[in-house]
Amino acid sequence: MKWPLLQLKHVARFGYGDSLPTDEVQSGLVSVFGSNGPYGTLGRANTLGPAIVVGRKGSYGKVNWSDEPCFASDTTFYIDASTTLHSLRWLYWLLQTLRLDQGSDEAAVPGLNREEAYARRVPLPPPNAQKTIARFLDFETHKLDSLLAASQRVLDLLAEKRKAIIATAVTRGLDPKVKLRDSGVPWLSEIPAHWEIERARWLFRERDVRSTTGDEEMLTVSHLTGVTPRSEKEVNMFEAETNEGYKLCEPGDLVINTLWAWMGAMGTAPVKGIVSPAYNVYEPGPRLTPAYIDALVRLPAFAQEVTRYSKGVWSSRLRLYPEGFFEVYLPVPQQGEQRAIVAHIARETAKLDAVRAATERTIALLKERRSALIAAAVTGQLDVAAVDGAYGGADAY
């Protein structure tokens, strides 16, 4: 199907959003749209309804839809019936194929350049075809979006299952029939009766050895991934001119990001390396298996516990110093049981990871299918008129 190609400026005009009024109470029933979508309400609108809101700053190029009149903020453009004569819903789908997020002429504050967007050439189907395309895509993408939402729920359930497997194993052991006793430690509650409880001061000693060259492997400490080599992660962060004086850590050492311990930024080092001088490094004693400690300290409940021993005025600026960490109580199974727990966690999480990887592949394929479907429909590569009856034939905006 061949439709004429026109520059976008001949199809629609981008209206500028407005600054939020400071002299009005920012409450009401009208949605306020920023570049990422709705984020508040106001008592009046500055668009007609429905409207398309396109990110101009920040998440520029992102295309949002509002069924009702809305307030487009000053970080956005908008399109409504006052700025185009064409089907708004068709235009909404068309804009998603233009990759408006892939270009900016403003280095200091990246944004969508309206003139560059206007210069894009787009196929212009006749009005009836625009409405047919909109109906088709509304119906088909709804089905795909439902599948995507279901797949995301699977990922969420897998993540929760993973947390539960690890938490149960490191605080209750592997025998569901084992006799339990009150640990006397609120964050642990009951533990197997034969396990011991010790303060961290009797299980670790602080290691403060500095690199003389700074040439060792740089390690990062995150609440999401624990301790990992920086070379394995995509990080954009400040790098010092030299790493001389950074703290050395050995494989199996516990490394705690002093500032972000309250978020769970800690774990055991997988390899020898160096970490920021602001972090604390602890050498585990002979009663501990490093992999068991890694699983234990990365429990959300453990992060909450160390918060009690952190110092600072604001919760987001708490710091966990050695004297605070050494006050924390930890469960200590026999080393053979620790190793069994680690092996169990590895087996069970490997099964979950396989399902997660398959689900992520499904999500990627669904997203590819969705994008391809939209592109084929709005460019005329897919004849949607032949199946229009399946969608009820109701008019689209």
Protein backbone atom coordinates (compact mmCIF):
# COMPACT_ATOMS: atom_id res chain seq x y z
CA MET A 1 0.00 0.00 0.00
CA LYS A 2 1.58 3.31 -1.04
CA TRP A 3 0.69 6.44 0.83
CA PRO A 4 2.20 9.89 0.29
CA LEU A 5 5.20 10.82 2.43
CA LEU A 6 4.96 14.17 4.19
CA GLN A 7 7.11 15.95 6.71
CA LEU A 8 5.68 15.61 10.20
CA LYS A 9 5.19 19.40 10.40
CA HIS A 10 2.49 19.06 7.73
CA VAL A 11 0.68 16.40 9.77
CA ALA A 12 0.72 17.84 13.29
CA ARG A 13 2.02 20.78 15.27
CA PHE A 14 3.75 20.32 18.62
CA GLY A 15 2.36 22.68 21.24
CA TYR A 16 4.60 23.68 24.13
CA GLY A 17 3.56 22.67 27.63
CA ASP A 18 3.41 25.21 30.44
CA SER A 19 5.15 25.72 33.75
CA LEU A 20 3.12 24.58 36.72
CA PRO A 21 1.39 27.66 38.17
CA THR A 22 2.89 28.65 41.50
CA ASP A 23 -0.09 30.77 42.49
CA GLU A 24 -2.60 27.93 42.23
CA VAL A 25 -3.25 25.06 44.59
CA GLN A 26 -1.82 22.03 42.79
CA SER A 27 -4.74 19.74 43.36
CA GLY A 28 -7.79 18.76 41.39
CA LEU A 29 -8.92 16.14 38.92
CA VAL A 30 -6.79 17.08 35.90
CA SER A 31 -3.69 14.92 35.35
CA VAL A 32 -0.35 16.71 35.06
CA PHE A 33 1.96 15.12 32.50
CA GLY A 34 5.73 15.26 32.49
CA SER A 35 8.06 13.53 30.07
CA ASN A 36 7.57 10.18 31.84
CA GLY A 37 3.78 10.43 32.01
CA PRO A 38 1.30 11.60 34.66
CA TYR A 39 2.76 12.55 38.04
CA GLY A 40 0.23 14.82 39.74
CA THR A 41 -3.04 16.69 39.44
CA LEU A 42 -4.19 20.26 38.93
CA GLY A 43 -7.47 22.13 38.79
CA ARG A 44 -7.26 23.04 35.10
CA ALA A 45 -6.07 21.65 31.78
CA ASN A 46 -4.02 23.24 29.01
CA THR A 47 -4.90 20.67 26.34
CA LEU A 48 -8.06 19.36 24.83
CA GLY A 49 -9.02 15.75 25.33
CA PRO A 50 -7.80 13.33 24.21
CA ALA A 51 -4.20 14.44 23.90
CA ILE A 52 -0.76 13.12 23.05
CA VAL A 53 2.04 14.32 25.32
CA VAL A 54 5.63 13.93 24.09
CA GLY A 55 8.66 14.26 26.35
CA ARG A 56 10.73 17.34 25.48
CA LYS A 57 13.28 17.27 28.33
CA GLY A 58 14.54 14.45 30.51
CA SER A 59 12.87 11.35 29.05
CA TYR A 60 12.61 13.15 25.75
CA GLY A 61 10.83 11.48 22.88
CA LYS A 62 8.62 9.34 25.11
CA VAL A 63 5.04 9.30 23.80
CA ASN A 64 2.19 9.39 26.34
CA TRP A 65 -1.59 9.31 25.86
CA SER A 66 -4.36 10.98 27.84
CA ASP A 67 -8.03 10.19 27.20
CA GLU A 68 -9.07 13.36 28.99
CA PRO A 69 -7.95 17.00 28.82
CA CYS A 70 -4.71 17.26 30.79
CA PHE A 71 -2.03 19.72 31.85
CA ALA A 72 1.15 19.29 29.78
CA SER A 73 4.11 20.55 31.80
CA ASP A 74 6.93 22.68 30.43
CA THR A 75 9.13 19.60 29.87
CA THR A 76 6.74 18.36 27.18
CA PHE A 77 5.10 18.99 23.84
CA TYR A 78 1.44 18.16 23.27
CA ILE A 79 -0.78 17.35 20.31
CA ASP A 80 -4.57 17.57 20.45
CA ALA A 81 -7.46 18.41 18.14
CA SER A 82 -6.28 22.03 18.03
CA THR A 83 -2.88 21.10 16.58
CA THR A 84 -3.77 18.40 14.02
CA LEU A 85 -6.62 17.52 11.68
CA HIS A 86 -5.74 13.83 11.69
CA SER A 87 -6.69 10.89 13.90
CA LEU A 88 -4.99 11.42 17.23
CA ARG A 89 -4.93 7.72 18.05
CA TRP A 90 -3.29 6.87 14.71
CA LEU A 91 -0.80 9.67 15.31
CA TYR A 92 -0.05 8.26 18.77
CA TRP A 93 0.99 4.94 17.21
CA LEU A 94 2.86 6.64 14.36
CA LEU A 95 4.99 8.73 16.74
CA GLN A 96 6.18 5.59 18.50
CA THR A 97 7.89 4.43 15.31
CA LEU A 98 9.92 7.63 14.83
CA ARG A 99 12.45 7.00 17.62
CA LEU A 100 12.18 10.55 18.84
CA ASP A 101 14.37 9.65 21.82
CA GLN A 102 17.42 9.17 19.62
CA GLY A 103 18.45 12.69 18.87
CA SER A 104 19.24 15.98 20.58
CA ASP A 105 21.04 19.16 19.66
CA GLU A 106 21.41 20.32 23.26
CA ALA A 107 24.52 18.86 24.84
CA ALA A 108 24.08 20.49 28.24
CA VAL A 109 20.42 19.53 28.70
CA PRO A 110 19.45 16.75 26.29
CA GLY A 111 16.06 17.26 24.72
CA LEU A 112 13.84 16.75 21.71
CA ASN A 113 14.39 19.35 19.01
CA ARG A 114 11.01 20.26 17.52
CA GLU A 115 12.37 21.29 14.14
CA GLU A 116 14.28 18.03 13.76
CA ALA A 117 11.11 16.13 14.62
CA TYR A 118 9.12 18.19 12.14
CA ALA A 119 11.58 17.25 9.38
CA ARG A 120 10.82 13.51 9.73
CA ARG A 121 8.95 12.13 6.73
CA VAL A 122 5.94 10.00 7.57
CA PRO A 123 3.39 8.06 5.48
CA LEU A 124 -0.05 9.67 5.48
CA PRO A 125 -2.96 7.26 4.96
CA PRO A 126 -6.47 8.60 4.24
CA PRO A 127 -8.69 9.40 7.26
CA ASN A 128 -10.64 6.12 7.20
CA ALA A 129 -7.42 4.13 7.02
CA GLN A 130 -6.01 6.08 9.98
CA LYS A 131 -8.97 5.08 12.13
CA THR A 132 -8.77 1.47 10.95
CA ILE A 133 -5.07 1.32 11.84
CA ALA A 134 -5.77 2.82 15.26
CA ARG A 135 -8.51 0.26 15.98
CA PHE A 136 -6.29 -2.60 14.85
CA LEU A 137 -3.33 -1.53 16.96
CA ASP A 138 -5.45 -0.81 20.02
CA PHE A 139 -6.81 -4.36 19.87
CA GLU A 140 -3.61 -6.22 18.99
CA THR A 141 -1.28 -4.33 21.33
CA HIS A 142 -3.75 -4.85 24.18
CA LYS A 143 -3.34 -8.61 23.73
CA LEU A 144 0.44 -8.30 23.61
CA ASP A 145 0.49 -5.96 26.61
CA SER A 146 -1.55 -8.50 28.59
CA LEU A 147 1.02 -11.18 27.78
CA LEU A 148 3.84 -8.81 28.73
CA ALA A 149 2.17 -8.01 32.06
CA ALA A 150 1.70 -11.72 32.78
CA SER A 151 5.36 -12.39 31.97
CA GLN A 152 6.45 -9.56 34.26
CA ARG A 153 4.35 -11.06 37.05
CA VAL A 154 6.23 -14.32 36.53
CA LEU A 155 9.54 -12.45 36.93
CA ASP A 156 8.26 -10.79 40.11
CA LEU A 157 7.16 -14.14 41.55
CA LEU A 158 10.51 -15.72 40.68
CA ALA A 159 12.32 -12.88 42.45
CA GLU A 160 10.18 -13.36 45.55
CA LYS A 161 10.70 -17.13 45.44
CA ARG A 162 14.46 -16.62 45.19
CA LYS A 163 14.45 -14.35 48.24
CA ALA A 164 12.37 -16.85 50.21
CA ILE A 165 14.65 -19.79 49.34
CA ILE A 166 17.76 -17.91 50.46
CA ALA A 167 16.19 -16.43 53.60
CA THR A 168 14.83 -19.79 54.76
CA ALA A 169 18.07 -21.64 54.07
CA VAL A 170 20.43 -19.23 55.85
CA THR A 171 18.21 -18.64 58.90
CA ARG A 172 16.37 -21.99 59.30
CA GLY A 173 18.66 -24.50 57.60
CA LEU A 174 17.58 -27.28 55.24
CA ASP A 175 15.68 -29.64 57.53
CA PRO A 176 12.03 -28.52 57.77
CA LYS A 177 11.55 -30.80 60.82
CA VAL A 178 14.50 -29.49 62.79
CA LYS A 179 13.87 -28.39 66.37
CA LEU A 180 13.88 -24.61 66.65
CA ARG A 181 14.69 -22.28 69.52
CA ASP A 182 14.28 -18.58 70.11
CA SER A 183 17.51 -16.92 69.02
CA GLY A 184 16.94 -13.93 71.28
CA VAL A 185 17.73 -11.75 68.25
CA PRO A 186 14.66 -9.97 66.82
CA TRP A 187 15.79 -10.00 63.19
CA LEU A 188 16.40 -13.76 63.28
CA SER A 189 13.54 -14.90 65.53
CA GLU A 190 13.73 -18.73 65.73
CA ILE A 191 16.75 -20.69 64.50
CA PRO A 192 17.68 -24.39 64.59
CA ALA A 193 18.35 -25.39 68.19
CA HIS A 194 21.87 -26.66 67.44
CA TRP A 195 23.02 -23.43 65.78
CA GLU A 196 25.09 -20.87 67.67
CA ILE A 197 24.67 -17.11 67.86
CA GLU A 198 27.71 -14.82 67.89
CA ARG A 199 28.43 -11.13 67.68
CA ALA A 200 30.26 -10.12 64.53
CA ARG A 201 33.23 -9.01 66.64
CA TRP A 202 34.00 -12.67 67.42
CA LEU A 203 33.61 -13.78 63.80
CA PHE A 204 35.46 -11.09 61.81
CA ARG A 205 38.44 -8.83 62.09
CA GLU A 206 38.81 -5.59 60.19
CA ARG A 207 41.30 -5.62 57.34
CA ASP A 208 42.82 -2.23 56.53
CA VAL A 209 45.69 -2.92 54.15
CA ARG A 210 46.30 -0.34 51.43
CA SER A 211 47.43 -0.83 47.84
CA THR A 212 50.81 0.68 47.07
CA THR A 213 50.20 0.74 43.30
CA GLY A 214 46.43 0.79 42.74
CA ASP A 215 46.87 -1.71 39.92
CA GLU A 216 44.71 -4.47 41.44
CA GLU A 217 41.23 -5.36 40.20
CA MET A 218 38.76 -2.63 41.18
CA LEU A 219 35.66 -4.04 42.89
CA THR A 220 32.26 -2.39 43.22
CA VAL A 221 29.75 -2.92 46.04
CA SER A 222 26.04 -2.73 45.24
CA HIS A 223 22.81 -3.58 47.05
CA LEU A 224 21.68 -5.33 43.86
CA THR A 225 24.70 -7.43 42.92
CA GLY A 226 26.88 -7.51 46.01
CA VAL A 227 30.62 -7.34 45.34
CA THR A 228 31.63 -7.61 41.69
CA PRO A 229 34.62 -6.59 39.54
CA ARG A 230 34.01 -3.19 37.99
CA SER A 231 35.16 -4.62 34.64
CA GLU A 232 32.04 -6.83 34.60
CA LYS A 233 29.64 -3.94 35.05
CA GLU A 234 28.63 -0.96 32.97
CA VAL A 235 29.28 1.87 35.37
CA ASN A 236 29.57 5.60 34.80
CA MET A 237 31.12 7.03 37.90
CA PHE A 238 33.93 9.25 39.05
CA GLU A 239 37.35 7.63 38.80
CA ALA A 240 40.31 8.96 40.73
CA GLU A 241 43.56 9.73 38.95
CA THR A 242 45.20 6.95 40.96
CA ASN A 243 43.88 4.06 43.03
CA GLU A 244 46.95 4.05 45.23
CA GLY A 245 45.86 3.87 48.86
CA TYR A 246 42.67 1.95 48.10
CA LYS A 247 41.85 -0.91 50.45
CA LEU A 248 42.96 -4.40 49.54
CA CYS A 249 40.57 -7.29 50.01
CA GLU A 250 41.13 -11.01 49.64
CA PRO A 251 38.71 -13.54 48.14
CA GLY A 252 35.98 -14.22 50.71
CA ASP A 253 36.43 -10.94 52.61
CA LEU A 254 33.23 -9.18 53.58
CA VAL A 255 33.09 -5.69 52.04
CA ILE A 256 30.57 -3.14 53.27
CA ASN A 257 29.78 0.13 51.55
CA THR A 258 29.79 2.25 54.69
CA LEU A 259 27.37 4.88 53.34
CA TRP A 260 24.89 2.49 51.71
CA ALA A 261 24.90 -0.40 54.20
CA TRP A 262 21.35 0.52 55.20
CA MET A 263 20.32 -0.36 51.63
CA GLY A 264 22.17 -3.70 51.74
CA ALA A 265 25.29 -2.68 49.78
CA MET A 266 27.60 -5.42 51.04
CA GLY A 267 28.82 -8.91 50.21
CA THR A 268 31.90 -11.10 50.00
CA ALA A 269 34.63 -10.51 47.45
CA PRO A 270 34.76 -13.16 44.68
CA VAL A 271 38.38 -12.30 43.79
CA LYS A 272 41.32 -10.40 45.18
CA GLY A 273 41.02 -6.69 44.50
CA ILE A 274 40.75 -3.17 45.84
CA VAL A 275 37.82 -1.10 47.02
CA SER A 276 37.22 2.51 47.95
CA PRO A 277 39.04 3.70 51.08
CA ALA A 278 35.59 4.76 52.35
CA TYR A 279 34.45 1.13 52.51
CA ASN A 280 35.15 -1.32 55.32
CA VAL A 281 36.73 -4.72 54.72
CA TYR A 282 36.38 -7.62 57.17
CA GLU A 283 38.26 -10.91 57.15
CA PRO A 284 35.97 -13.80 58.18
CA GLY A 285 37.22 -16.19 60.83
CA PRO A 286 37.63 -19.97 60.42
CA ARG A 287 34.07 -20.71 61.57
CA LEU A 288 32.54 -19.04 58.50
CA THR A 289 32.07 -20.08 54.88
CA PRO A 290 32.26 -16.89 52.74
CA ALA A 291 29.43 -17.92 50.40
CA TYR A 292 27.14 -18.51 53.39
CA ILE A 293 28.02 -15.08 54.79
CA ASP A 294 27.39 -13.49 51.37
CA ALA A 295 23.86 -14.93 51.29
CA LEU A 296 23.22 -13.96 54.92
CA VAL A 297 24.33 -10.33 54.79
CA ARG A 298 22.41 -9.66 51.60
CA LEU A 299 19.07 -10.45 53.22
CA PRO A 300 16.85 -7.34 53.45
CA ALA A 301 16.31 -8.18 57.13
CA PHE A 302 20.07 -7.99 57.74
CA ALA A 303 20.26 -4.57 56.12
CA GLN A 304 17.47 -3.42 58.44
CA GLU A 305 19.36 -4.85 61.42
CA VAL A 306 22.65 -3.06 60.68
CA THR A 307 20.69 0.18 60.33
CA ARG A 308 20.13 0.01 64.09
CA TYR A 309 23.89 0.24 64.60
CA SER A 310 24.56 2.91 61.97
CA LYS A 311 25.26 6.54 62.76
CA GLY A 312 23.86 9.66 61.12
CA VAL A 313 21.21 12.36 61.34
CA TRP A 314 19.14 11.39 58.29
CA SER A 315 18.10 7.86 57.37
CA SER A 316 19.49 8.29 53.86
CA ARG A 317 22.88 9.34 55.25
CA LEU A 318 23.46 6.63 57.83
CA ARG A 319 26.96 5.14 58.02
CA LEU A 320 27.88 1.71 59.35
CA TYR A 321 31.26 1.92 61.05
CA PRO A 322 33.19 -1.11 62.36
CA GLU A 323 32.16 -0.52 65.98
CA GLY A 324 28.52 -0.72 64.87
CA PHE A 325 28.95 -3.78 62.64
CA PHE A 326 30.77 -5.66 65.42
CA GLU A 327 27.65 -5.34 67.62
CA VAL A 328 25.44 -7.30 65.20
CA TYR A 329 24.51 -10.90 66.06
CA LEU A 330 24.74 -13.59 63.36
CA PRO A 331 23.67 -17.26 63.25
CA VAL A 332 26.57 -19.72 63.00
CA PRO A 333 25.81 -23.28 61.81
CA GLN A 334 28.62 -25.80 61.62
CA GLN A 335 30.77 -25.31 58.52
CA GLY A 336 29.55 -28.54 56.93
CA GLU A 337 25.97 -27.29 57.23
CA GLN A 338 26.98 -23.89 55.87
CA ARG A 339 28.44 -25.56 52.78
CA ALA A 340 25.28 -27.67 52.36
CA ILE A 341 23.17 -24.52 52.58
CA VAL A 342 25.29 -22.80 49.94
CA ALA A 343 25.01 -25.82 47.61
CA HIS A 344 21.23 -25.93 48.13
CA ILE A 345 20.87 -22.24 47.31
CA ALA A 346 22.99 -22.68 44.17
CA ARG A 347 20.87 -25.61 42.93
CA GLU A 348 17.50 -24.04 43.62
CA THR A 349 18.35 -20.58 42.33
CA ALA A 350 19.84 -22.10 39.17
CA LYS A 351 16.41 -23.60 38.43
CA LEU A 352 14.76 -20.24 39.00
CA ASP A 353 17.38 -18.48 36.88
CA ALA A 354 16.65 -20.82 33.97
CA VAL A 355 12.95 -19.95 34.14
CA ARG A 356 13.79 -16.27 34.52
CA ALA A 357 16.05 -16.33 31.45
CA ALA A 358 13.33 -18.04 29.39
CA THR A 359 10.75 -15.51 30.59
CA GLU A 360 13.04 -12.60 29.74
CA ARG A 361 13.50 -14.02 26.24
CA THR A 362 9.72 -14.23 25.91
CA ILE A 363 9.38 -10.60 27.00
CA ALA A 364 12.02 -9.51 24.48
CA LEU A 365 10.22 -11.37 21.67
CA LEU A 366 6.85 -9.89 22.65
CA LYS A 367 8.33 -6.38 22.63
CA GLU A 368 9.90 -7.02 19.22
CA ARG A 369 6.57 -8.32 17.94
CA ARG A 370 4.78 -5.26 19.31
CA SER A 371 7.21 -2.81 17.70
CA ALA A 372 7.16 -4.65 14.38
CA LEU A 373 3.37 -4.77 14.37
CA ILE A 374 3.06 -1.03 14.98
CA ALA A 375 5.63 -0.22 12.29
CA ALA A 376 3.99 -2.52 9.72
CA ALA A 377 0.52 -1.12 10.37
CA VAL A 378 1.36 2.60 10.26
CA THR A 379 3.53 2.26 7.13
CA GLY A 380 0.98 0.21 5.19
CA GLN A 381 3.08 -2.95 5.03
CA LEU A 382 0.23 -4.76 6.79
CA ASP A 383 -3.26 -4.60 5.33
CA VAL A 384 -5.36 -4.13 8.44
CA ALA A 385 -8.54 -3.30 6.52
CA ALA A 386 -9.08 -7.00 5.80
CA VAL A 387 -9.49 -7.79 9.48
CA ASP A 388 -11.12 -4.56 10.63
CA GLY A 389 -14.44 -6.24 11.32
CA ALA A 390 -12.89 -8.21 14.14
CA TYR A 391 -12.41 -5.03 16.15
CA GLY A 392 -15.98 -3.85 16.19
CA GLY A 393 -15.49 -1.05 13.68
CA ALA A 394 -15.85 1.64 16.35
CA ASP A 395 -14.33 4.98 15.51
CA ALA A 396 -10.91 5.83 16.94
CA TYR A 397 -9.88 9.36 17.87
